[in-house]
Protein backbone atom coordinates (compact mmCIF):
# COMPACT_ATOMS: atom_id res chain seq x y z
CA UNK A 1 0.00 0.00 0.00
CA UNK A 2 1.31 3.42 -0.95
CA UNK A 3 1.45 5.86 1.95
CA UNK A 4 0.99 9.44 0.82
CA UNK A 5 3.39 12.08 2.16
CA UNK A 6 0.42 13.88 3.72
CA UNK A 7 -0.41 10.75 5.76
CA UNK A 8 3.11 10.51 7.14
CA UNK A 9 3.04 14.22 7.93
CA UNK A 10 -0.12 13.72 9.97
CA UNK A 11 1.45 10.88 11.96
CA UNK A 12 4.65 12.86 12.49
CA UNK A 13 2.75 15.77 14.03
CA UNK A 14 1.48 13.39 16.72
CA UNK A 15 5.11 12.98 17.81
CA UNK A 16 5.97 16.68 17.61
CA UNK A 17 7.96 16.24 14.39
CA UNK A 18 8.02 18.81 11.62
CA UNK A 19 9.00 18.19 8.03
CA UNK A 20 12.36 19.59 7.01
CA UNK A 21 12.44 18.36 3.42
CA UNK A 22 10.82 15.98 0.97
CA UNK A 23 12.23 14.77 -2.34
CA UNK A 24 10.94 12.41 -4.98
CA UNK A 25 12.83 9.49 -6.51
CA UNK A 26 12.44 7.90 -9.92
CA UNK A 27 14.01 4.59 -10.92
CA UNK A 28 15.40 3.78 -14.36
CA UNK A 29 15.35 -0.02 -14.81
CA UNK A 30 17.67 0.17 -17.83
CA UNK A 31 20.49 1.85 -15.93
CA UNK A 32 19.41 0.46 -12.53
CA UNK A 33 19.81 3.92 -11.02
CA UNK A 34 17.61 6.28 -9.06
CA UNK A 35 17.29 9.97 -9.79
CA UNK A 36 16.13 12.60 -7.29
CA UNK A 37 13.50 15.12 -8.34
CA UNK A 38 10.26 16.90 -7.49
CA UNK A 39 7.80 14.07 -8.26
CA UNK A 40 6.65 12.45 -4.99
CA UNK A 41 3.77 10.51 -6.57
CA UNK A 42 5.48 7.09 -6.40
CA UNK A 43 8.76 7.10 -4.44
CA UNK A 44 9.98 9.71 -2.01
CA UNK A 45 12.14 10.40 1.04
CA UNK A 46 11.30 12.74 3.89
CA UNK A 47 13.38 14.33 6.62
CA UNK A 48 11.72 15.34 9.89
CA UNK A 49 13.01 17.21 12.93
CA UNK A 50 11.84 17.10 16.51
CA UNK A 51 10.64 20.40 17.77
PDB file of N, CA and C in Angstrom:
ATOM      1  N   UNK A   1       0.841  -1.181   0.000  1.00  0.00           N
ATOM      2  CA  UNK A   1       0.000   0.000   0.000  1.00  0.00           C
ATOM      3  C   UNK A   1       0.884   1.241   0.000  1.00  0.00           C
ATOM      4  N   UNK A   2       0.575   2.162  -0.884  1.00  0.00           N
ATOM      5  CA  UNK A   2       1.310   3.424  -0.948  1.00  0.00           C
ATOM      6  C   UNK A   2       0.831   4.353   0.155  1.00  0.00           C
ATOM      7  N   UNK A   3       1.764   4.899   0.898  1.00  0.00           N
ATOM      8  CA  UNK A   3       1.447   5.859   1.953  1.00  0.00           C
ATOM      9  C   UNK A   3       1.794   7.247   1.434  1.00  0.00           C
ATOM     10  N   UNK A   4       0.786   8.091   1.338  1.00  0.00           N
ATOM     11  CA  UNK A   4       0.991   9.444   0.818  1.00  0.00           C
ATOM     12  C   UNK A   4       1.822  10.276   1.796  1.00  0.00           C
ATOM     13  N   UNK A   5       2.617  11.201   1.277  1.00  0.00           N
ATOM     14  CA  UNK A   5       3.393  12.079   2.160  1.00  0.00           C
ATOM     15  C   UNK A   5       2.520  12.813   3.174  1.00  0.00           C
ATOM     16  N   UNK A   6       1.306  13.178   2.787  1.00  0.00           N
ATOM     17  CA  UNK A   6       0.417  13.878   3.721  1.00  0.00           C
ATOM     18  C   UNK A   6       0.017  12.988   4.897  1.00  0.00           C
ATOM     19  N   UNK A   7      -0.092  11.675   4.670  1.00  0.00           N
ATOM     20  CA  UNK A   7      -0.414  10.747   5.758  1.00  0.00           C
ATOM     21  C   UNK A   7       0.733  10.683   6.758  1.00  0.00           C
ATOM     22  N   UNK A   8       1.943  10.567   6.256  1.00  0.00           N
ATOM     23  CA  UNK A   8       3.111  10.514   7.140  1.00  0.00           C
ATOM     24  C   UNK A   8       3.231  11.814   7.921  1.00  0.00           C
ATOM     25  N   UNK A   9       2.966  12.926   7.259  1.00  0.00           N
ATOM     26  CA  UNK A   9       3.043  14.218   7.930  1.00  0.00           C
ATOM     27  C   UNK A   9       2.054  14.289   9.089  1.00  0.00           C
ATOM     28  N   UNK A  10       0.870  13.748   8.894  1.00  0.00           N
ATOM     29  CA  UNK A  10      -0.116  13.720   9.973  1.00  0.00           C
ATOM     30  C   UNK A  10       0.353  12.893  11.156  1.00  0.00           C
ATOM     31  N   UNK A  11       0.928  11.731  10.878  1.00  0.00           N
ATOM     32  CA  UNK A  11       1.448  10.885  11.955  1.00  0.00           C
ATOM     33  C   UNK A  11       2.612  11.568  12.669  1.00  0.00           C
ATOM     34  N   UNK A  12       3.474  12.217  11.907  1.00  0.00           N
ATOM     35  CA  UNK A  12       4.654  12.859  12.490  1.00  0.00           C
ATOM     36  C   UNK A  12       4.256  13.966  13.461  1.00  0.00           C
ATOM     37  N   UNK A  13       3.203  14.690  13.134  1.00  0.00           N
ATOM     38  CA  UNK A  13       2.747  15.765  14.029  1.00  0.00           C
ATOM     39  C   UNK A  13       2.344  15.230  15.395  1.00  0.00           C
ATOM     40  N   UNK A  14       1.842  14.003  15.440  1.00  0.00           N
ATOM     41  CA  UNK A  14       1.478  13.390  16.722  1.00  0.00           C
ATOM     42  C   UNK A  14       2.688  13.191  17.623  1.00  0.00           C
ATOM     43  N   UNK A  15       3.879  13.165  17.049  1.00  0.00           N
ATOM     44  CA  UNK A  15       5.114  12.977  17.811  1.00  0.00           C
ATOM     45  C   UNK A  15       5.959  14.242  17.839  1.00  0.00           C
ATOM     46  N   UNK A  16       5.315  15.377  17.582  1.00  0.00           N
ATOM     47  CA  UNK A  16       5.975  16.678  17.613  1.00  0.00           C
ATOM     48  C   UNK A  16       7.144  16.755  16.621  1.00  0.00           C
ATOM     49  N   UNK A  17       6.950  16.176  15.447  1.00  0.00           N
ATOM     50  CA  UNK A  17       7.958  16.240  14.391  1.00  0.00           C
ATOM     51  C   UNK A  17       7.467  17.183  13.302  1.00  0.00           C
ATOM     52  N   UNK A  18       8.382  17.932  12.732  1.00  0.00           N
ATOM     53  CA  UNK A  18       8.019  18.811  11.616  1.00  0.00           C
ATOM     54  C   UNK A  18       8.888  18.470  10.415  1.00  0.00           C
ATOM     55  N   UNK A  19       8.294  18.564   9.244  1.00  0.00           N
ATOM     56  CA  UNK A  19       9.002  18.186   8.031  1.00  0.00           C
ATOM     57  C   UNK A  19      10.071  19.225   7.708  1.00  0.00           C
ATOM     58  N   UNK A  20      11.245  18.731   7.406  1.00  0.00           N
ATOM     59  CA  UNK A  20      12.355  19.591   7.013  1.00  0.00           C
ATOM     60  C   UNK A  20      12.476  19.609   5.497  1.00  0.00           C
ATOM     61  N   UNK A  21      12.357  18.429   4.877  1.00  0.00           N
ATOM     62  CA  UNK A  21      12.441  18.359   3.419  1.00  0.00           C
ATOM     63  C   UNK A  21      11.768  17.091   2.912  1.00  0.00           C
ATOM     64  N   UNK A  22      11.380  17.140   1.657  1.00  0.00           N
ATOM     65  CA  UNK A  22      10.820  15.978   0.971  1.00  0.00           C
ATOM     66  C   UNK A  22      11.343  16.017  -0.460  1.00  0.00           C
ATOM     67  N   UNK A  23      11.711  14.851  -0.970  1.00  0.00           N
ATOM     68  CA  UNK A  23      12.227  14.770  -2.337  1.00  0.00           C
ATOM     69  C   UNK A  23      11.737  13.481  -2.980  1.00  0.00           C
ATOM     70  N   UNK A  24      11.400  13.571  -4.239  1.00  0.00           N
ATOM     71  CA  UNK A  24      10.941  12.405  -4.977  1.00  0.00           C
ATOM     72  C   UNK A  24      12.102  11.616  -5.570  1.00  0.00           C
ATOM     73  N   UNK A  25      11.832  10.365  -5.897  1.00  0.00           N
ATOM     74  CA  UNK A  25      12.833   9.492  -6.508  1.00  0.00           C
ATOM     75  C   UNK A  25      12.189   8.770  -7.683  1.00  0.00           C
ATOM     76  N   UNK A  26      12.902   8.696  -8.785  1.00  0.00           N
ATOM     77  CA  UNK A  26      12.444   7.896  -9.920  1.00  0.00           C
ATOM     78  C   UNK A  26      13.516   6.870 -10.231  1.00  0.00           C
ATOM     79  N   UNK A  27      13.089   5.684 -10.641  1.00  0.00           N
ATOM     80  CA  UNK A  27      14.010   4.587 -10.925  1.00  0.00           C
ATOM     81  C   UNK A  27      14.028   4.309 -12.417  1.00  0.00           C
ATOM     82  N   UNK A  28      15.225   4.149 -12.957  1.00  0.00           N
ATOM     83  CA  UNK A  28      15.395   3.782 -14.356  1.00  0.00           C
ATOM     84  C   UNK A  28      15.844   2.326 -14.398  1.00  0.00           C
ATOM     85  N   UNK A  29      14.981   1.402 -14.814  1.00  0.00           N
ATOM     86  CA  UNK A  29      15.346  -0.017 -14.810  1.00  0.00           C
ATOM     87  C   UNK A  29      16.435  -0.369 -15.827  1.00  0.00           C
ATOM     88  N   UNK A  30      16.616   0.449 -16.840  1.00  0.00           N
ATOM     89  CA  UNK A  30      17.666   0.171 -17.829  1.00  0.00           C
ATOM     90  C   UNK A  30      19.059   0.435 -17.269  1.00  0.00           C
ATOM     91  N   UNK A  31      19.191   1.524 -16.524  1.00  0.00           N
ATOM     92  CA  UNK A  31      20.492   1.854 -15.932  1.00  0.00           C
ATOM     93  C   UNK A  31      20.608   1.353 -14.495  1.00  0.00           C
ATOM     94  N   UNK A  32      19.472   0.915 -13.929  1.00  0.00           N
ATOM     95  CA  UNK A  32      19.407   0.455 -12.533  1.00  0.00           C
ATOM     96  C   UNK A  32      19.850   1.548 -11.565  1.00  0.00           C
ATOM     97  N   UNK A  33      19.442   2.783 -11.864  1.00  0.00           N
ATOM     98  CA  UNK A  33      19.810   3.917 -11.021  1.00  0.00           C
ATOM     99  C   UNK A  33      18.572   4.735 -10.670  1.00  0.00           C
ATOM    100  N   UNK A  34      18.648   5.355  -9.500  1.00  0.00           N
ATOM    101  CA  UNK A  34      17.607   6.279  -9.058  1.00  0.00           C
ATOM    102  C   UNK A  34      18.035   7.701  -9.376  1.00  0.00           C
ATOM    103  N   UNK A  35      17.045   8.560  -9.559  1.00  0.00           N
ATOM    104  CA  UNK A  35      17.292   9.972  -9.788  1.00  0.00           C
ATOM    105  C   UNK A  35      16.381  10.753  -8.854  1.00  0.00           C
ATOM    106  N   UNK A  36      16.916  11.768  -8.198  1.00  0.00           N
ATOM    107  CA  UNK A  36      16.129  12.595  -7.294  1.00  0.00           C
ATOM    108  C   UNK A  36      15.455  13.715  -8.072  1.00  0.00           C
ATOM    109  N   UNK A  37      14.242  14.064  -7.653  1.00  0.00           N
ATOM    110  CA  UNK A  37      13.499  15.120  -8.338  1.00  0.00           C
ATOM    111  C   UNK A  37      12.304  15.582  -7.530  1.00  0.00           C
ATOM    112  N   UNK A  38      11.417  16.308  -8.169  1.00  0.00           N
ATOM    113  CA  UNK A  38      10.260  16.904  -7.489  1.00  0.00           C
ATOM    114  C   UNK A  38       9.038  15.991  -7.405  1.00  0.00           C
ATOM    115  N   UNK A  39       8.987  14.939  -8.185  1.00  0.00           N
ATOM    116  CA  UNK A  39       7.801  14.075  -8.258  1.00  0.00           C
ATOM    117  C   UNK A  39       7.754  13.114  -7.068  1.00  0.00           C
ATOM    118  N   UNK A  40       6.788  13.307  -6.169  1.00  0.00           N
ATOM    119  CA  UNK A  40       6.645  12.449  -4.989  1.00  0.00           C
ATOM    120  C   UNK A  40       5.441  11.521  -5.121  1.00  0.00           C
ATOM    121  N   UNK A  41       4.980  11.297  -6.358  1.00  0.00           N
ATOM    122  CA  UNK A  41       3.767  10.507  -6.573  1.00  0.00           C
ATOM    123  C   UNK A  41       3.984   9.001  -6.429  1.00  0.00           C
ATOM    124  N   UNK A  42       5.229   8.532  -6.511  1.00  0.00           N
ATOM    125  CA  UNK A  42       5.483   7.093  -6.399  1.00  0.00           C
ATOM    126  C   UNK A  42       6.500   6.788  -5.306  1.00  0.00           C
ATOM    127  N   UNK A  43       7.698   7.332  -5.421  1.00  0.00           N
ATOM    128  CA  UNK A  43       8.762   7.097  -4.436  1.00  0.00           C
ATOM    129  C   UNK A  43       9.243   8.436  -3.893  1.00  0.00           C
ATOM    130  N   UNK A  44       9.518   8.458  -2.605  1.00  0.00           N
ATOM    131  CA  UNK A  44       9.979   9.708  -2.007  1.00  0.00           C
ATOM    132  C   UNK A  44      10.723   9.426  -0.709  1.00  0.00           C
ATOM    133  N   UNK A  45      11.466  10.435  -0.252  1.00  0.00           N
ATOM    134  CA  UNK A  45      12.140  10.401   1.044  1.00  0.00           C
ATOM    135  C   UNK A  45      11.757  11.680   1.782  1.00  0.00           C
ATOM    136  N   UNK A  46      11.604  11.564   3.080  1.00  0.00           N
ATOM    137  CA  UNK A  46      11.302  12.740   3.890  1.00  0.00           C
ATOM    138  C   UNK A  46      12.305  12.845   5.025  1.00  0.00           C
ATOM    139  N   UNK A  47      12.490  14.061   5.496  1.00  0.00           N
ATOM    140  CA  UNK A  47      13.378  14.326   6.622  1.00  0.00           C
ATOM    141  C   UNK A  47      12.592  15.163   7.624  1.00  0.00           C
ATOM    142  N   UNK A  48      12.472  14.657   8.844  1.00  0.00           N
ATOM    143  CA  UNK A  48      11.725  15.345   9.893  1.00  0.00           C
ATOM    144  C   UNK A  48      12.663  15.738  11.019  1.00  0.00           C
ATOM    145  N   UNK A  49      12.263  16.770  11.754  1.00  0.00           N
ATOM    146  CA  UNK A  49      13.014  17.213  12.930  1.00  0.00           C
ATOM    147  C   UNK A  49      12.073  17.311  14.118  1.00  0.00           C
ATOM    148  N   UNK A  50      12.604  16.978  15.274  1.00  0.00           N
ATOM    149  CA  UNK A  50      11.840  17.097  16.514  1.00  0.00           C
ATOM    150  C   UNK A  50      11.825  18.559  16.923  1.00  0.00           C
ATOM    151  N   UNK A  51      10.650  19.021  17.316  1.00  0.00           N
ATOM    152  CA  UNK A  51      10.638  20.404  17.771  1.00  0.00           C
ATOM    153  C   UNK A  51       9.381  21.057  17.665  1.00  0.00           C
TER     154      UNK A  51
END
